[in-house]
Amino acid sequence: MWIDVPGTQGHVAYPHRADNPVAPLARVIAALDQVHLDDGTDEFPSSNLEFTGVTTPTTASNVIPSGATAQLNIRFNNLHRGADLVAMVEEIAAREAPGATVRARISGEAFLTPPGKLFDIVVEAIREETGIEPELSTSGGTSDGRFLIALCPVVDFGLPNATMHKLDESASVEDIETLARIYERVLVKALA
């Protein structure tokens, strides 16, 4: 989501001729930072709201900006729906910064596939290839499974993600090769 707070650009020497949007945006950020979404469920970790950017259109230190924008992401579990979270952010933005607008793009709703045949095939392939007993977990990155869940069961399985989205993100060649062998086992078992 993006929260846009309008202002009126002007010189800092003449604040009465401008309308600084930064302080109202800061109030929105502070209010949203205090929101406790939930404590998680048996299947999902707690939902979390994270600010990922704050910008203004000016880089000059002596100019009050014409607007200010906060960018945020809410990672939410099955206790919430995207539209309800957007409405919550809109209400807080309207209260703390009248005139603010919220733009949102819900990339997917939380989903949960109960264990079944596909899960059993994936677990067996992982166990056979690595000797590790996998556990059912909803942690990790947002999955493209959110687009497939309406069509078929979904089981996400991939590389360890200790460096995901960090500078110099990487995976070991050994992990990639092991993953490829597990995927091959899954395909053989699923198509048998």
C-alpha atoms as a PDB file:
ATOM      1  CA  MET A   1       0.000   0.000   0.000  1.00  0.00           C
ATOM      2  CA  TRP A   2       0.947   3.615  -0.500  1.00  0.00           C
ATOM      3  CA  ILE A   3      -0.329   6.431   1.693  1.00  0.00           C
ATOM      4  CA  ASP A   4      -0.169   9.799  -0.053  1.00  0.00           C
ATOM      5  CA  VAL A   5      -0.483  12.954   2.031  1.00  0.00           C
ATOM      6  CA  PRO A   6      -0.934  16.148   0.019  1.00  0.00           C
ATOM      7  CA  GLY A   7       0.754  19.393   0.908  1.00  0.00           C
ATOM      8  CA  THR A   8       1.591  22.735  -0.617  1.00  0.00           C
ATOM      9  CA  GLN A   9       5.166  23.275  -1.702  1.00  0.00           C
ATOM     10  CA  GLY A  10       6.975  26.340  -0.437  1.00  0.00           C
ATOM     11  CA  HIS A  11      10.191  27.718   0.962  1.00  0.00           C
ATOM     12  CA  VAL A  12      10.987  26.856   4.584  1.00  0.00           C
ATOM     13  CA  ALA A  13      11.451  30.580   5.281  1.00  0.00           C
ATOM     14  CA  TYR A  14       7.742  31.090   4.513  1.00  0.00           C
ATOM     15  CA  PRO A  15       5.952  28.173   6.199  1.00  0.00           C
ATOM     16  CA  HIS A  16       2.720  30.162   6.350  1.00  0.00           C
ATOM     17  CA  ARG A  17       2.604  30.018   2.539  1.00  0.00           C
ATOM     18  CA  ALA A  18       3.024  26.230   2.464  1.00  0.00           C
ATOM     19  CA  ASP A  19       1.411  23.149   3.958  1.00  0.00           C
ATOM     20  CA  ASN A  20       3.958  20.594   5.096  1.00  0.00           C
ATOM     21  CA  PRO A  21       2.707  16.996   4.597  1.00  0.00           C
ATOM     22  CA  VAL A  22       5.539  15.329   6.500  1.00  0.00           C
ATOM     23  CA  ALA A  23       4.201  15.727  10.057  1.00  0.00           C
ATOM     24  CA  PRO A  24       0.723  14.356   9.209  1.00  0.00           C
ATOM     25  CA  LEU A  25       2.331  11.422   7.412  1.00  0.00           C
ATOM     26  CA  ALA A  26       4.500  10.812  10.477  1.00  0.00           C
ATOM     27  CA  ARG A  27       1.320  10.659  12.599  1.00  0.00           C
ATOM     28  CA  VAL A  28      -0.153   8.066  10.230  1.00  0.00           C
ATOM     29  CA  ILE A  29       3.038   6.007  10.438  1.00  0.00           C
ATOM     30  CA  ALA A  30       3.098   6.239  14.247  1.00  0.00           C
ATOM     31  CA  ALA A  31      -0.560   5.189  14.506  1.00  0.00           C
ATOM     32  CA  LEU A  32      -0.137   2.244  12.133  1.00  0.00           C
ATOM     33  CA  ASP A  33       3.033   1.203  13.939  1.00  0.00           C
ATOM     34  CA  GLN A  34       0.929   0.750  17.097  1.00  0.00           C
ATOM     35  CA  VAL A  35      -1.613  -1.575  15.435  1.00  0.00           C
ATOM     36  CA  HIS A  36      -1.545  -5.153  16.728  1.00  0.00           C
ATOM     37  CA  LEU A  37      -3.091  -7.262  13.988  1.00  0.00           C
ATOM     38  CA  ASP A  38      -3.232 -10.653  15.723  1.00  0.00           C
ATOM     39  CA  ASP A  39      -1.268 -13.296  17.603  1.00  0.00           C
ATOM     40  CA  GLY A  40      -1.211 -15.809  14.768  1.00  0.00           C
ATOM     41  CA  THR A  41      -3.065 -19.101  14.512  1.00  0.00           C
ATOM     42  CA  ASP A  42      -2.153 -22.754  14.812  1.00  0.00           C
ATOM     43  CA  GLU A  43      -1.282 -22.678  11.104  1.00  0.00           C
ATOM     44  CA  PHE A  44       0.071 -19.153  10.577  1.00  0.00           C
ATOM     45  CA  PRO A  45       2.472 -16.764  12.296  1.00  0.00           C
ATOM     46  CA  SER A  46       1.264 -13.361  13.459  1.00  0.00           C
ATOM     47  CA  SER A  47       0.356 -10.879  10.747  1.00  0.00           C
ATOM     48  CA  ASN A  48       2.747  -7.952  10.470  1.00  0.00           C
ATOM     49  CA  LEU A  49       2.710  -4.469   8.982  1.00  0.00           C
ATOM     50  CA  GLU A  50       6.078  -3.165   7.778  1.00  0.00           C
ATOM     51  CA  PHE A  51       6.926   0.235   6.336  1.00  0.00           C
ATOM     52  CA  THR A  52       9.198  -0.133   3.322  1.00  0.00           C
ATOM     53  CA  GLY A  53       9.681   3.463   2.238  1.00  0.00           C
ATOM     54  CA  VAL A  54       8.967   7.133   2.920  1.00  0.00           C
ATOM     55  CA  THR A  55       9.454   9.693   0.151  1.00  0.00           C
ATOM     56  CA  THR A  56       8.808  13.288  -0.870  1.00  0.00           C
ATOM     57  CA  PRO A  57       9.193  14.726  -4.374  1.00  0.00           C
ATOM     58  CA  THR A  58      11.898  17.177  -3.319  1.00  0.00           C
ATOM     59  CA  THR A  59      15.530  16.669  -2.401  1.00  0.00           C
ATOM     60  CA  ALA A  60      16.243  20.275  -1.487  1.00  0.00           C
ATOM     61  CA  SER A  61      16.664  20.873   2.238  1.00  0.00           C
ATOM     62  CA  ASN A  62      15.016  24.285   2.104  1.00  0.00           C
ATOM     63  CA  VAL A  63      11.788  23.318   0.312  1.00  0.00           C
ATOM     64  CA  ILE A  64       8.601  22.141   2.007  1.00  0.00           C
ATOM     65  CA  PRO A  65       7.409  19.297  -0.213  1.00  0.00           C
ATOM     66  CA  SER A  66       4.134  19.241  -2.142  1.00  0.00           C
ATOM     67  CA  GLY A  67       3.359  15.765  -0.854  1.00  0.00           C
ATOM     68  CA  ALA A  68       4.724  12.854   1.129  1.00  0.00           C
ATOM     69  CA  THR A  69       4.246   9.126   0.620  1.00  0.00           C
ATOM     70  CA  ALA A  70       4.706   6.131   2.888  1.00  0.00           C
ATOM     71  CA  GLN A  71       4.951   2.675   1.383  1.00  0.00           C
ATOM     72  CA  LEU A  72       4.015  -0.355   3.449  1.00  0.00           C
ATOM     73  CA  ASN A  73       3.361  -4.051   3.219  1.00  0.00           C
ATOM     74  CA  ILE A  74       1.097  -6.162   5.396  1.00  0.00           C
ATOM     75  CA  ARG A  75       1.911  -9.848   5.575  1.00  0.00           C
ATOM     76  CA  PHE A  76      -1.382 -11.294   6.825  1.00  0.00           C
ATOM     77  CA  ASN A  77      -2.747 -14.658   7.808  1.00  0.00           C
ATOM     78  CA  ASN A  78      -6.165 -16.260   7.409  1.00  0.00           C
ATOM     79  CA  LEU A  79      -7.685 -14.110  10.187  1.00  0.00           C
ATOM     80  CA  HIS A  80      -7.798 -11.180   7.743  1.00  0.00           C
ATOM     81  CA  ARG A  81      -8.922 -10.268   4.242  1.00  0.00           C
ATOM     82  CA  GLY A  82      -7.044  -7.773   2.126  1.00  0.00           C
ATOM     83  CA  ALA A  83     -10.011  -5.425   1.681  1.00  0.00           C
ATOM     84  CA  ASP A  84     -10.531  -5.204   5.452  1.00  0.00           C
ATOM     85  CA  LEU A  85      -6.878  -4.286   6.021  1.00  0.00           C
ATOM     86  CA  VAL A  86      -7.073  -1.612   3.325  1.00  0.00           C
ATOM     87  CA  ALA A  87     -10.151  -0.168   5.044  1.00  0.00           C
ATOM     88  CA  MET A  88      -8.290  -0.106   8.383  1.00  0.00           C
ATOM     89  CA  VAL A  89      -5.351   1.774   6.841  1.00  0.00           C
ATOM     90  CA  GLU A  90      -7.727   4.190   5.105  1.00  0.00           C
ATOM     91  CA  GLU A  91      -9.519   4.939   8.390  1.00  0.00           C
ATOM     92  CA  ILE A  92      -6.274   5.619  10.259  1.00  0.00           C
ATOM     93  CA  ALA A  93      -4.890   7.743   7.403  1.00  0.00           C
ATOM     94  CA  ALA A  94      -8.107   9.806   7.239  1.00  0.00           C
ATOM     95  CA  ARG A  95      -8.048  10.349  11.008  1.00  0.00           C
ATOM     96  CA  GLU A  96      -4.364  11.289  11.290  1.00  0.00           C
ATOM     97  CA  ALA A  97      -3.920  13.125   7.982  1.00  0.00           C
ATOM     98  CA  PRO A  98      -7.214  14.430   6.564  1.00  0.00           C
ATOM     99  CA  GLY A  99      -7.007  14.485   2.777  1.00  0.00           C
ATOM    100  CA  ALA A 100      -4.644  11.518   2.634  1.00  0.00           C
ATOM    101  CA  THR A 101      -5.324   8.835   0.047  1.00  0.00           C
ATOM    102  CA  VAL A 102      -4.458   5.165   0.165  1.00  0.00           C
ATOM    103  CA  ARG A 103      -3.546   3.142  -2.879  1.00  0.00           C
ATOM    104  CA  ALA A 104      -3.508  -0.616  -2.400  1.00  0.00           C
ATOM    105  CA  ARG A 105      -2.654  -3.678  -4.412  1.00  0.00           C
ATOM    106  CA  ILE A 106      -3.619  -6.939  -2.743  1.00  0.00           C
ATOM    107  CA  SER A 107      -1.382  -9.543  -4.341  1.00  0.00           C
ATOM    108  CA  GLY A 108      -3.203 -12.461  -2.754  1.00  0.00           C
ATOM    109  CA  GLU A 109      -5.220 -13.659   0.188  1.00  0.00           C
ATOM    110  CA  ALA A 110      -3.867 -16.065   2.787  1.00  0.00           C
ATOM    111  CA  PHE A 111      -4.540 -19.683   1.906  1.00  0.00           C
ATOM    112  CA  LEU A 112      -3.999 -23.058   3.510  1.00  0.00           C
ATOM    113  CA  THR A 113      -3.946 -26.444   1.813  1.00  0.00           C
ATOM    114  CA  PRO A 114      -4.641 -29.249   4.276  1.00  0.00           C
ATOM    115  CA  PRO A 115      -2.351 -32.284   4.103  1.00  0.00           C
ATOM    116  CA  GLY A 116      -3.310 -34.732   1.359  1.00  0.00           C
ATOM    117  CA  LYS A 117      -1.880 -36.787  -1.490  1.00  0.00           C
ATOM    118  CA  LEU A 118       0.300 -34.002  -2.938  1.00  0.00           C
ATOM    119  CA  PHE A 119       1.656 -33.154   0.505  1.00  0.00           C
ATOM    120  CA  ASP A 120       2.456 -36.845   1.112  1.00  0.00           C
ATOM    121  CA  ILE A 121       4.327 -37.096  -2.217  1.00  0.00           C
ATOM    122  CA  VAL A 122       6.440 -34.011  -1.467  1.00  0.00           C
ATOM    123  CA  VAL A 123       7.196 -35.134   2.102  1.00  0.00           C
ATOM    124  CA  GLU A 124       8.238 -38.586   0.892  1.00  0.00           C
ATOM    125  CA  ALA A 125      10.506 -37.132  -1.821  1.00  0.00           C
ATOM    126  CA  ILE A 126      12.211 -34.792   0.666  1.00  0.00           C
ATOM    127  CA  ARG A 127      12.655 -37.591   3.204  1.00  0.00           C
ATOM    128  CA  GLU A 128      14.090 -40.003   0.602  1.00  0.00           C
ATOM    129  CA  GLU A 129      16.539 -37.451  -0.827  1.00  0.00           C
ATOM    130  CA  THR A 130      17.719 -35.765   2.380  1.00  0.00           C
ATOM    131  CA  GLY A 131      16.777 -37.975   5.314  1.00  0.00           C
ATOM    132  CA  ILE A 132      15.054 -34.909   6.814  1.00  0.00           C
ATOM    133  CA  GLU A 133      11.493 -35.075   8.101  1.00  0.00           C
ATOM    134  CA  PRO A 134       9.842 -31.904   6.750  1.00  0.00           C
ATOM    135  CA  GLU A 135       7.310 -29.962   8.770  1.00  0.00           C
ATOM    136  CA  LEU A 136       4.178 -28.235   7.563  1.00  0.00           C
ATOM    137  CA  SER A 137       4.752 -24.486   7.788  1.00  0.00           C
ATOM    138  CA  THR A 138       3.209 -21.304   6.452  1.00  0.00           C
ATOM    139  CA  SER A 139       6.347 -19.222   6.935  1.00  0.00           C
ATOM    140  CA  GLY A 140       8.352 -17.958   4.001  1.00  0.00           C
ATOM    141  CA  GLY A 141       7.838 -15.704   1.034  1.00  0.00           C
ATOM    142  CA  THR A 142       4.540 -15.045  -0.687  1.00  0.00           C
ATOM    143  CA  SER A 143       3.884 -17.868  -3.047  1.00  0.00           C
ATOM    144  CA  ASP A 144       2.594 -18.001  -6.588  1.00  0.00           C
ATOM    145  CA  GLY A 145       0.376 -20.683  -5.076  1.00  0.00           C
ATOM    146  CA  ARG A 146      -2.035 -17.856  -4.246  1.00  0.00           C
ATOM    147  CA  PHE A 147      -2.981 -17.879  -7.946  1.00  0.00           C
ATOM    148  CA  LEU A 148      -3.266 -21.680  -8.171  1.00  0.00           C
ATOM    149  CA  ILE A 149      -5.123 -22.497  -4.961  1.00  0.00           C
ATOM    150  CA  ALA A 150      -8.525 -22.005  -6.631  1.00  0.00           C
ATOM    151  CA  LEU A 151      -7.594 -24.651  -9.210  1.00  0.00           C
ATOM    152  CA  CYS A 152      -5.701 -27.338  -7.312  1.00  0.00           C
ATOM    153  CA  PRO A 153      -3.937 -28.236  -4.051  1.00  0.00           C
ATOM    154  CA  VAL A 154      -0.730 -26.290  -3.446  1.00  0.00           C
ATOM    155  CA  VAL A 155       2.433 -27.318  -1.615  1.00  0.00           C
ATOM    156  CA  ASP A 156       5.308 -24.840  -1.637  1.00  0.00           C
ATOM    157  CA  PHE A 157       8.801 -26.174  -1.290  1.00  0.00           C
ATOM    158  CA  GLY A 158      12.033 -24.493  -2.271  1.00  0.00           C
ATOM    159  CA  LEU A 159      15.467 -23.326  -1.278  1.00  0.00           C
ATOM    160  CA  PRO A 160      16.518 -22.119   2.185  1.00  0.00           C
ATOM    161  CA  ASN A 161      15.939 -18.363   2.301  1.00  0.00           C
ATOM    162  CA  ALA A 162      18.371 -16.941   4.847  1.00  0.00           C
ATOM    163  CA  THR A 163      19.498 -14.293   2.329  1.00  0.00           C
ATOM    164  CA  MET A 164      16.135 -13.681   0.602  1.00  0.00           C
ATOM    165  CA  HIS A 165      15.867 -10.087  -0.676  1.00  0.00           C
ATOM    166  CA  LYS A 166      19.161  -9.125   0.953  1.00  0.00           C
ATOM    167  CA  LEU A 167      22.142  -7.666  -0.850  1.00  0.00           C
ATOM    168  CA  ASP A 168      24.014 -10.549  -2.503  1.00  0.00           C
ATOM    169  CA  GLU A 169      21.082 -12.971  -2.206  1.00  0.00           C
ATOM    170  CA  SER A 170      22.427 -16.433  -2.906  1.00  0.00           C
ATOM    171  CA  ALA A 171      21.882 -20.164  -2.714  1.00  0.00           C
ATOM    172  CA  SER A 172      24.488 -22.894  -2.576  1.00  0.00           C
ATOM    173  CA  VAL A 173      24.992 -25.061  -5.647  1.00  0.00           C
ATOM    174  CA  GLU A 174      24.535 -28.115  -3.433  1.00  0.00           C
ATOM    175  CA  ASP A 175      21.117 -26.854  -2.270  1.00  0.00           C
ATOM    176  CA  ILE A 176      20.061 -26.191  -5.878  1.00  0.00           C
ATOM    177  CA  GLU A 177      21.158 -29.655  -6.977  1.00  0.00           C
ATOM    178  CA  THR A 178      19.359 -31.298  -4.025  1.00  0.00           C
ATOM    179  CA  LEU A 179      16.215 -29.307  -4.797  1.00  0.00           C
ATOM    180  CA  ALA A 180      16.331 -30.459  -8.428  1.00  0.00           C
ATOM    181  CA  ARG A 181      16.588 -34.104  -7.320  1.00  0.00           C
ATOM    182  CA  ILE A 182      13.641 -33.660  -4.937  1.00  0.00           C
ATOM    183  CA  TYR A 183      11.554 -32.065  -7.697  1.00  0.00           C
ATOM    184  CA  GLU A 184      12.407 -34.989  -9.975  1.00  0.00           C
ATOM    185  CA  ARG A 185      11.229 -37.437  -7.306  1.00  0.00           C
ATOM    186  CA  VAL A 186       8.003 -35.450  -6.877  1.00  0.00           C
ATOM    187  CA  LEU A 187       7.313 -35.548 -10.620  1.00  0.00           C
ATOM    188  CA  VAL A 188       8.016 -39.282 -10.895  1.00  0.00           C
ATOM    189  CA  LYS A 189       5.759 -40.058  -7.909  1.00  0.00           C
ATOM    190  CA  ALA A 190       2.971 -37.695  -9.023  1.00  0.00           C
ATOM    191  CA  LEU A 191       2.915 -38.988 -12.576  1.00  0.00           C
ATOM    192  CA  ALA A 192       3.315 -42.678 -11.688  1.00  0.00           C
END
